[in-house]
PDB file of N, CA and C in Angstrom:
ATOM      1  N   UNK A   1      -5.392  40.444  35.506  1.00  0.00           N
ATOM      2  CA  UNK A   1      -5.760  40.685  34.126  1.00  0.00           C
ATOM      3  C   UNK A   1      -4.520  40.748  33.238  1.00  0.00           C
ATOM      4  N   UNK A   2      -3.501  41.420  33.697  1.00  0.00           N
ATOM      5  CA  UNK A   2      -2.268  41.525  32.925  1.00  0.00           C
ATOM      6  C   UNK A   2      -1.619  40.162  32.769  1.00  0.00           C
ATOM      7  N   UNK A   3      -1.674  39.380  33.815  1.00  0.00           N
ATOM      8  CA  UNK A   3      -1.094  38.036  33.764  1.00  0.00           C
ATOM      9  C   UNK A   3      -1.769  37.188  32.704  1.00  0.00           C
ATOM     10  N   UNK A   4      -3.089  37.285  32.570  1.00  0.00           N
ATOM     11  CA  UNK A   4      -3.833  36.521  31.568  1.00  0.00           C
ATOM     12  C   UNK A   4      -3.406  36.937  30.162  1.00  0.00           C
ATOM     13  N   UNK A   5      -3.260  38.217  29.928  1.00  0.00           N
ATOM     14  CA  UNK A   5      -2.841  38.682  28.599  1.00  0.00           C
ATOM     15  C   UNK A   5      -1.423  38.227  28.287  1.00  0.00           C
ATOM     16  N   UNK A   6      -0.538  38.332  29.285  1.00  0.00           N
ATOM     17  CA  UNK A   6       0.838  37.885  29.074  1.00  0.00           C
ATOM     18  C   UNK A   6       0.891  36.387  28.789  1.00  0.00           C
ATOM     19  N   UNK A   7       0.095  35.628  29.501  1.00  0.00           N
ATOM     20  CA  UNK A   7       0.048  34.182  29.312  1.00  0.00           C
ATOM     21  C   UNK A   7      -0.442  33.847  27.901  1.00  0.00           C
ATOM     22  N   UNK A   8      -1.476  34.545  27.433  1.00  0.00           N
ATOM     23  CA  UNK A   8      -1.980  34.328  26.065  1.00  0.00           C
ATOM     24  C   UNK A   8      -0.917  34.684  25.035  1.00  0.00           C
ATOM     25  N   UNK A   9      -0.220  35.772  25.267  1.00  0.00           N
ATOM     26  CA  UNK A   9       0.838  36.183  24.339  1.00  0.00           C
ATOM     27  C   UNK A   9       1.939  35.127  24.285  1.00  0.00           C
ATOM     28  N   UNK A  10       2.306  34.604  25.449  1.00  0.00           N
ATOM     29  CA  UNK A  10       3.338  33.568  25.483  1.00  0.00           C
ATOM     30  C   UNK A  10       2.869  32.300  24.774  1.00  0.00           C
ATOM     31  N   UNK A  11       1.599  31.953  24.965  1.00  0.00           N
ATOM     32  CA  UNK A  11       1.063  30.763  24.292  1.00  0.00           C
ATOM     33  C   UNK A  11       1.065  30.950  22.783  1.00  0.00           C
ATOM     34  N   UNK A  12       0.677  32.158  22.326  1.00  0.00           N
ATOM     35  CA  UNK A  12       0.686  32.417  20.882  1.00  0.00           C
ATOM     36  C   UNK A  12       2.105  32.363  20.342  1.00  0.00           C
ATOM     37  N   UNK A  13       3.035  32.970  21.066  1.00  0.00           N
ATOM     38  CA  UNK A  13       4.423  32.952  20.629  1.00  0.00           C
ATOM     39  C   UNK A  13       4.959  31.530  20.627  1.00  0.00           C
ATOM     40  N   UNK A  14       4.607  30.781  21.646  1.00  0.00           N
ATOM     41  CA  UNK A  14       5.041  29.392  21.721  1.00  0.00           C
ATOM     42  C   UNK A  14       4.474  28.592  20.550  1.00  0.00           C
ATOM     43  N   UNK A  15       3.216  28.819  20.223  1.00  0.00           N
ATOM     44  CA  UNK A  15       2.593  28.118  19.104  1.00  0.00           C
ATOM     45  C   UNK A  15       3.249  28.505  17.787  1.00  0.00           C
ATOM     46  N   UNK A  16       3.544  29.796  17.631  1.00  0.00           N
ATOM     47  CA  UNK A  16       4.202  30.258  16.403  1.00  0.00           C
ATOM     48  C   UNK A  16       5.615  29.689  16.294  1.00  0.00           C
ATOM     49  N   UNK A  17       6.323  29.648  17.400  1.00  0.00           N
ATOM     50  CA  UNK A  17       7.675  29.087  17.403  1.00  0.00           C
ATOM     51  C   UNK A  17       7.634  27.602  17.042  1.00  0.00           C
ATOM     52  N   UNK A  18       6.681  26.913  17.613  1.00  0.00           N
ATOM     53  CA  UNK A  18       6.529  25.482  17.324  1.00  0.00           C
ATOM     54  C   UNK A  18       6.183  25.265  15.850  1.00  0.00           C
ATOM     55  N   UNK A  19       5.272  26.083  15.324  1.00  0.00           N
ATOM     56  CA  UNK A  19       4.889  25.961  13.916  1.00  0.00           C
ATOM     57  C   UNK A  19       6.077  26.263  13.008  1.00  0.00           C
ATOM     58  N   UNK A  20       6.855  27.275  13.356  1.00  0.00           N
ATOM     59  CA  UNK A  20       8.031  27.626  12.558  1.00  0.00           C
ATOM     60  C   UNK A  20       9.046  26.484  12.560  1.00  0.00           C
ATOM     61  N   UNK A  21       9.259  25.865  13.712  1.00  0.00           N
ATOM     62  CA  UNK A  21      10.182  24.735  13.802  1.00  0.00           C
ATOM     63  C   UNK A  21       9.692  23.567  12.945  1.00  0.00           C
ATOM     64  N   UNK A  22       8.384  23.313  12.976  1.00  0.00           N
ATOM     65  CA  UNK A  22       7.827  22.218  12.175  1.00  0.00           C
ATOM     66  C   UNK A  22       7.966  22.506  10.689  1.00  0.00           C
ATOM     67  N   UNK A  23       7.779  23.761  10.299  1.00  0.00           N
ATOM     68  CA  UNK A  23       7.949  24.140   8.889  1.00  0.00           C
ATOM     69  C   UNK A  23       9.390  23.924   8.465  1.00  0.00           C
ATOM     70  N   UNK A  24      10.326  24.315   9.326  1.00  0.00           N
ATOM     71  CA  UNK A  24      11.742  24.125   9.005  1.00  0.00           C
ATOM     72  C   UNK A  24      12.089  22.639   8.880  1.00  0.00           C
ATOM     73  N   UNK A  25      11.527  21.812   9.754  1.00  0.00           N
ATOM     74  CA  UNK A  25      11.767  20.373   9.673  1.00  0.00           C
ATOM     75  C   UNK A  25      11.195  19.798   8.388  1.00  0.00           C
ATOM     76  N   UNK A  26       9.994  20.242   8.014  1.00  0.00           N
ATOM     77  CA  UNK A  26       9.385  19.768   6.764  1.00  0.00           C
ATOM     78  C   UNK A  26      10.202  20.200   5.559  1.00  0.00           C
ATOM     79  N   UNK A  27      10.683  21.434   5.568  1.00  0.00           N
ATOM     80  CA  UNK A  27      11.519  21.901   4.457  1.00  0.00           C
ATOM     81  C   UNK A  27      12.789  21.070   4.344  1.00  0.00           C
ATOM     82  N   UNK A  28      13.360  20.716   5.471  1.00  0.00           N
ATOM     83  CA  UNK A  28      14.556  19.878   5.469  1.00  0.00           C
ATOM     84  C   UNK A  28      14.254  18.499   4.882  1.00  0.00           C
ATOM     85  N   UNK A  29      13.130  17.918   5.284  1.00  0.00           N
ATOM     86  CA  UNK A  29      12.741  16.612   4.745  1.00  0.00           C
ATOM     87  C   UNK A  29      12.452  16.693   3.253  1.00  0.00           C
ATOM     88  N   UNK A  30      11.824  17.775   2.814  1.00  0.00           N
ATOM     89  CA  UNK A  30      11.541  17.962   1.386  1.00  0.00           C
ATOM     90  C   UNK A  30      12.841  18.025   0.602  1.00  0.00           C
ATOM     91  N   UNK A  31      13.824  18.772   1.104  1.00  0.00           N
ATOM     92  CA  UNK A  31      15.117  18.858   0.418  1.00  0.00           C
ATOM     93  C   UNK A  31      15.791  17.493   0.335  1.00  0.00           C
ATOM     94  N   UNK A  32      15.696  16.730   1.406  1.00  0.00           N
ATOM     95  CA  UNK A  32      16.286  15.389   1.414  1.00  0.00           C
ATOM     96  C   UNK A  32      15.604  14.489   0.385  1.00  0.00           C
ATOM     97  N   UNK A  33      14.280  14.540   0.324  1.00  0.00           N
ATOM     98  CA  UNK A  33      13.540  13.731  -0.656  1.00  0.00           C
ATOM     99  C   UNK A  33      13.844  14.170  -2.086  1.00  0.00           C
ATOM    100  N   UNK A  34      13.968  15.478  -2.302  1.00  0.00           N
ATOM    101  CA  UNK A  34      14.310  15.966  -3.637  1.00  0.00           C
ATOM    102  C   UNK A  34      15.675  15.455  -4.068  1.00  0.00           C
ATOM    103  N   UNK A  35      16.631  15.433  -3.150  1.00  0.00           N
ATOM    104  CA  UNK A  35      17.966  14.925  -3.472  1.00  0.00           C
ATOM    105  C   UNK A  35      17.917  13.431  -3.776  1.00  0.00           C
ATOM    106  N   UNK A  36      17.152  12.689  -2.990  1.00  0.00           N
ATOM    107  CA  UNK A  36      16.999  11.254  -3.255  1.00  0.00           C
ATOM    108  C   UNK A  36      16.384  11.020  -4.627  1.00  0.00           C
ATOM    109  N   UNK A  37      15.402  11.834  -4.975  1.00  0.00           N
ATOM    110  CA  UNK A  37      14.752  11.695  -6.280  1.00  0.00           C
ATOM    111  C   UNK A  37      15.741  12.007  -7.399  1.00  0.00           C
ATOM    112  N   UNK A  38      16.528  13.062  -7.245  1.00  0.00           N
ATOM    113  CA  UNK A  38      17.529  13.402  -8.264  1.00  0.00           C
ATOM    114  C   UNK A  38      18.523  12.265  -8.439  1.00  0.00           C
ATOM    115  N   UNK A  39      18.988  11.707  -7.325  1.00  0.00           N
ATOM    116  CA  UNK A  39      19.938  10.591  -7.391  1.00  0.00           C
ATOM    117  C   UNK A  39      19.314   9.388  -8.104  1.00  0.00           C
ATOM    118  N   UNK A  40      18.051   9.126  -7.804  1.00  0.00           N
ATOM    119  CA  UNK A  40      17.334   8.010  -8.428  1.00  0.00           C
ATOM    120  C   UNK A  40      17.215   8.213  -9.940  1.00  0.00           C
ATOM    121  N   UNK A  41      16.857   9.419 -10.354  1.00  0.00           N
ATOM    122  CA  UNK A  41      16.702   9.712 -11.781  1.00  0.00           C
ATOM    123  C   UNK A  41      18.043   9.564 -12.497  1.00  0.00           C
ATOM    124  N   UNK A  42      19.102  10.071 -11.889  1.00  0.00           N
ATOM    125  CA  UNK A  42      20.436   9.960 -12.498  1.00  0.00           C
ATOM    126  C   UNK A  42      20.832   8.491 -12.646  1.00  0.00           C
ATOM    127  N   UNK A  43      20.580   7.698 -11.615  1.00  0.00           N
ATOM    128  CA  UNK A  43      20.952   6.286 -11.682  1.00  0.00           C
ATOM    129  C   UNK A  43      20.167   5.567 -12.779  1.00  0.00           C
ATOM    130  N   UNK A  44      18.906   5.921 -12.959  1.00  0.00           N
ATOM    131  CA  UNK A  44      18.120   5.304 -14.026  1.00  0.00           C
ATOM    132  C   UNK A  44      18.619   5.752 -15.392  1.00  0.00           C
ATOM    133  N   UNK A  45      18.948   7.032 -15.522  1.00  0.00           N
ATOM    134  CA  UNK A  45      19.456   7.519 -16.809  1.00  0.00           C
ATOM    135  C   UNK A  45      20.794   6.880 -17.151  1.00  0.00           C
ATOM    136  N   UNK A  46      21.579   6.557 -16.151  1.00  0.00           N
ATOM    137  CA  UNK A  46      22.859   5.893 -16.399  1.00  0.00           C
ATOM    138  C   UNK A  46      22.663   4.464 -16.895  1.00  0.00           C
ATOM    139  N   UNK A  47      21.551   3.855 -16.572  1.00  0.00           N
ATOM    140  CA  UNK A  47      21.292   2.480 -17.003  1.00  0.00           C
ATOM    141  C   UNK A  47      20.857   2.396 -18.468  1.00  0.00           C
ATOM    142  N   UNK A  48      20.248   3.420 -18.975  1.00  0.00           N
ATOM    143  CA  UNK A  48      19.692   3.361 -20.333  1.00  0.00           C
ATOM    144  C   UNK A  48      20.774   3.081 -21.382  1.00  0.00           C
ATOM    145  N   UNK A  49      21.942   3.756 -21.352  1.00  0.00           N
ATOM    146  CA  UNK A  49      22.993   3.385 -22.314  1.00  0.00           C
ATOM    147  C   UNK A  49      23.478   1.945 -22.130  1.00  0.00           C
ATOM    148  N   UNK A  50      23.520   1.483 -20.883  1.00  0.00           N
ATOM    149  CA  UNK A  50      23.932   0.099 -20.629  1.00  0.00           C
ATOM    150  C   UNK A  50      22.929  -0.875 -21.226  1.00  0.00           C
ATOM    151  N   UNK A  51      21.653  -0.556 -21.112  1.00  0.00           N
ATOM    152  CA  UNK A  51      20.608  -1.403 -21.695  1.00  0.00           C
ATOM    153  C   UNK A  51      20.800  -1.486 -23.207  1.00  0.00           C
ATOM    154  N   UNK A  52      21.026  -0.337 -23.833  1.00  0.00           N
ATOM    155  CA  UNK A  52      21.213  -0.313 -25.290  1.00  0.00           C
ATOM    156  C   UNK A  52      22.462  -1.081 -25.710  1.00  0.00           C
ATOM    157  N   UNK A  53      23.492  -1.037 -24.900  1.00  0.00           N
ATOM    158  CA  UNK A  53      24.739  -1.704 -25.244  1.00  0.00           C
ATOM    159  C   UNK A  53      24.681  -3.209 -25.008  1.00  0.00           C
ATOM    160  N   UNK A  54      24.069  -3.632 -23.934  1.00  0.00           N
ATOM    161  CA  UNK A  54      24.071  -5.048 -23.551  1.00  0.00           C
ATOM    162  C   UNK A  54      23.027  -5.861 -24.296  1.00  0.00           C
ATOM    163  N   UNK A  55      21.837  -5.308 -24.431  1.00  0.00           N
ATOM    164  CA  UNK A  55      20.734  -6.071 -25.026  1.00  0.00           C
ATOM    165  C   UNK A  55      20.919  -6.188 -26.534  1.00  0.00           C
ATOM    166  N   UNK A  56      20.780  -7.419 -27.022  1.00  0.00           N
ATOM    167  CA  UNK A  56      20.958  -7.684 -28.451  1.00  0.00           C
ATOM    168  C   UNK A  56      19.658  -7.453 -29.205  1.00  0.00           C
ATOM    169  N   UNK A  57      18.564  -7.918 -28.647  1.00  0.00           N
ATOM    170  CA  UNK A  57      17.282  -7.827 -29.351  1.00  0.00           C
ATOM    171  C   UNK A  57      16.401  -6.731 -28.748  1.00  0.00           C
ATOM    172  N   UNK A  58      15.489  -6.220 -29.569  1.00  0.00           N
ATOM    173  CA  UNK A  58      14.534  -5.229 -29.050  1.00  0.00           C
ATOM    174  C   UNK A  58      13.681  -5.781 -27.895  1.00  0.00           C
ATOM    175  N   UNK A  59      13.409  -7.072 -27.945  1.00  0.00           N
ATOM    176  CA  UNK A  59      12.613  -7.683 -26.874  1.00  0.00           C
ATOM    177  C   UNK A  59      13.372  -7.603 -25.546  1.00  0.00           C
ATOM    178  N   UNK A  60      14.676  -7.844 -25.577  1.00  0.00           N
ATOM    179  CA  UNK A  60      15.480  -7.732 -24.362  1.00  0.00           C
ATOM    180  C   UNK A  60      15.493  -6.288 -23.849  1.00  0.00           C
ATOM    181  N   UNK A  61      15.603  -5.336 -24.771  1.00  0.00           N
ATOM    182  CA  UNK A  61      15.599  -3.927 -24.365  1.00  0.00           C
ATOM    183  C   UNK A  61      14.278  -3.555 -23.705  1.00  0.00           C
ATOM    184  N   UNK A  62      13.180  -3.991 -24.310  1.00  0.00           N
ATOM    185  CA  UNK A  62      11.862  -3.696 -23.755  1.00  0.00           C
ATOM    186  C   UNK A  62      11.724  -4.333 -22.375  1.00  0.00           C
ATOM    187  N   UNK A  63      12.176  -5.572 -22.267  1.00  0.00           N
ATOM    188  CA  UNK A  63      12.104  -6.257 -20.970  1.00  0.00           C
ATOM    189  C   UNK A  63      12.931  -5.520 -19.917  1.00  0.00           C
ATOM    190  N   UNK A  64      14.127  -5.093 -20.295  1.00  0.00           N
ATOM    191  CA  UNK A  64      14.992  -4.373 -19.351  1.00  0.00           C
ATOM    192  C   UNK A  64      14.345  -3.051 -18.918  1.00  0.00           C
ATOM    193  N   UNK A  65      13.777  -2.326 -19.864  1.00  0.00           N
ATOM    194  CA  UNK A  65      13.114  -1.067 -19.522  1.00  0.00           C
ATOM    195  C   UNK A  65      11.890  -1.306 -18.649  1.00  0.00           C
ATOM    196  N   UNK A  66      11.154  -2.350 -18.959  1.00  0.00           N
ATOM    197  CA  UNK A  66       9.975  -2.693 -18.149  1.00  0.00           C
ATOM    198  C   UNK A  66      10.394  -3.018 -16.708  1.00  0.00           C
ATOM    199  N   UNK A  67      11.458  -3.778 -16.574  1.00  0.00           N
ATOM    200  CA  UNK A  67      11.955  -4.113 -15.236  1.00  0.00           C
ATOM    201  C   UNK A  67      12.433  -2.854 -14.518  1.00  0.00           C
ATOM    202  N   UNK A  68      13.139  -1.983 -15.240  1.00  0.00           N
ATOM    203  CA  UNK A  68      13.621  -0.737 -14.647  1.00  0.00           C
ATOM    204  C   UNK A  68      12.464   0.101 -14.114  1.00  0.00           C
ATOM    205  N   UNK A  69      11.420   0.214 -14.896  1.00  0.00           N
ATOM    206  CA  UNK A  69      10.270   1.041 -14.507  1.00  0.00           C
ATOM    207  C   UNK A  69       9.482   0.393 -13.370  1.00  0.00           C
ATOM    208  N   UNK A  70       9.224  -0.888 -13.493  1.00  0.00           N
ATOM    209  CA  UNK A  70       8.335  -1.548 -12.518  1.00  0.00           C
ATOM    210  C   UNK A  70       9.032  -1.975 -11.232  1.00  0.00           C
ATOM    211  N   UNK A  71      10.269  -2.473 -11.364  1.00  0.00           N
ATOM    212  CA  UNK A  71      10.913  -3.057 -10.181  1.00  0.00           C
ATOM    213  C   UNK A  71      12.137  -2.302  -9.719  1.00  0.00           C
ATOM    214  N   UNK A  72      12.634  -1.383 -10.525  1.00  0.00           N
ATOM    215  CA  UNK A  72      13.730  -0.533 -10.081  1.00  0.00           C
ATOM    216  C   UNK A  72      15.096  -0.898 -10.631  1.00  0.00           C
ATOM    217  N   UNK A  73      16.051  -0.077 -10.212  1.00  0.00           N
ATOM    218  CA  UNK A  73      17.417  -0.160 -10.729  1.00  0.00           C
ATOM    219  C   UNK A  73      18.097  -1.490 -10.410  1.00  0.00           C
ATOM    220  N   UNK A  74      17.980  -1.944  -9.184  1.00  0.00           N
ATOM    221  CA  UNK A  74      18.672  -3.179  -8.781  1.00  0.00           C
ATOM    222  C   UNK A  74      18.183  -4.378  -9.595  1.00  0.00           C
ATOM    223  N   UNK A  75      16.887  -4.477  -9.783  1.00  0.00           N
ATOM    224  CA  UNK A  75      16.329  -5.591 -10.562  1.00  0.00           C
ATOM    225  C   UNK A  75      16.768  -5.495 -12.025  1.00  0.00           C
ATOM    226  N   UNK A  76      16.839  -4.285 -12.539  1.00  0.00           N
ATOM    227  CA  UNK A  76      17.278  -4.107 -13.932  1.00  0.00           C
ATOM    228  C   UNK A  76      18.740  -4.510 -14.078  1.00  0.00           C
ATOM    229  N   UNK A  77      19.570  -4.112 -13.150  1.00  0.00           N
ATOM    230  CA  UNK A  77      20.981  -4.500 -13.208  1.00  0.00           C
ATOM    231  C   UNK A  77      21.133  -6.024 -13.131  1.00  0.00           C
ATOM    232  N   UNK A  78      20.315  -6.644 -12.315  1.00  0.00           N
ATOM    233  CA  UNK A  78      20.348  -8.105 -12.193  1.00  0.00           C
ATOM    234  C   UNK A  78      19.948  -8.747 -13.532  1.00  0.00           C
ATOM    235  N   UNK A  79      18.929  -8.199 -14.171  1.00  0.00           N
ATOM    236  CA  UNK A  79      18.500  -8.717 -15.474  1.00  0.00           C
ATOM    237  C   UNK A  79      19.624  -8.550 -16.505  1.00  0.00           C
ATOM    238  N   UNK A  80      20.259  -7.377 -16.506  1.00  0.00           N
ATOM    239  CA  UNK A  80      21.335  -7.142 -17.468  1.00  0.00           C
ATOM    240  C   UNK A  80      22.505  -8.101 -17.237  1.00  0.00           C
ATOM    241  N   UNK A  81      22.805  -8.391 -15.979  1.00  0.00           N
ATOM    242  CA  UNK A  81      23.860  -9.378 -15.687  1.00  0.00           C
ATOM    243  C   UNK A  81      23.481 -10.743 -16.237  1.00  0.00           C
ATOM    244  N   UNK A  82      22.210 -11.119 -16.083  1.00  0.00           N
ATOM    245  CA  UNK A  82      21.783 -12.426 -16.592  1.00  0.00           C
ATOM    246  C   UNK A  82      21.862 -12.466 -18.117  1.00  0.00           C
ATOM    247  N   UNK A  83      21.563 -11.360 -18.762  1.00  0.00           N
ATOM    248  CA  UNK A  83      21.678 -11.297 -20.225  1.00  0.00           C
ATOM    249  C   UNK A  83      23.133 -11.472 -20.633  1.00  0.00           C
ATOM    250  N   UNK A  84      24.038 -10.804 -19.924  1.00  0.00           N
ATOM    251  CA  UNK A  84      25.463 -10.941 -20.229  1.00  0.00           C
ATOM    252  C   UNK A  84      25.951 -12.377 -20.038  1.00  0.00           C
ATOM    253  N   UNK A  85      25.512 -13.006 -18.979  1.00  0.00           N
ATOM    254  CA  UNK A  85      25.889 -14.408 -18.715  1.00  0.00           C
ATOM    255  C   UNK A  85      25.407 -15.305 -19.847  1.00  0.00           C
ATOM    256  N   UNK A  86      24.167 -15.120 -20.274  1.00  0.00           N
ATOM    257  CA  UNK A  86      23.626 -15.928 -21.371  1.00  0.00           C
ATOM    258  C   UNK A  86      24.381 -15.689 -22.665  1.00  0.00           C
ATOM    259  N   UNK A  87      24.767 -14.433 -22.912  1.00  0.00           N
ATOM    260  CA  UNK A  87      25.521 -14.124 -24.117  1.00  0.00           C
ATOM    261  C   UNK A  87      26.893 -14.813 -24.094  1.00  0.00           C
ATOM    262  N   UNK A  88      27.532 -14.820 -22.943  1.00  0.00           N
ATOM    263  CA  UNK A  88      28.848 -15.467 -22.820  1.00  0.00           C
ATOM    264  C   UNK A  88      28.735 -16.982 -22.992  1.00  0.00           C
ATOM    265  N   UNK A  89      27.627 -17.560 -22.488  1.00  0.00           N
ATOM    266  CA  UNK A  89      27.450 -18.996 -22.617  1.00  0.00           C
ATOM    267  C   UNK A  89      27.208 -19.410 -24.050  1.00  0.00           C
ATOM    268  N   UNK A  90      26.546 -18.575 -24.828  1.00  0.00           N
ATOM    269  CA  UNK A  90      26.248 -18.935 -26.227  1.00  0.00           C
ATOM    270  C   UNK A  90      27.425 -18.640 -27.141  1.00  0.00           C
ATOM    271  N   UNK A  91      28.369 -17.819 -26.702  1.00  0.00           N
ATOM    272  CA  UNK A  91      29.489 -17.520 -27.600  1.00  0.00           C
ATOM    273  C   UNK A  91      30.723 -18.335 -27.305  1.00  0.00           C
TER     274      UNK A  91
END
């Protein structure tokens, strides 16, 4: 009888330990995702002044912002490079 109670106690403790470890792992992943999100937001905010500086027309600015929102930072930077190339070719 004592062995059964001890075994149940160990199983409960084992389950609690396992749950605690999983919670700690999830918290770690949440912190990592939060940092990635912060980095992403900062990188997007850094592009907005570049968009205002590079784009000549409001249509170009709208297009750049649309690309930034829909396709991300890399696609927006690529668009801004193409705008700069076109500006250099016309001048």
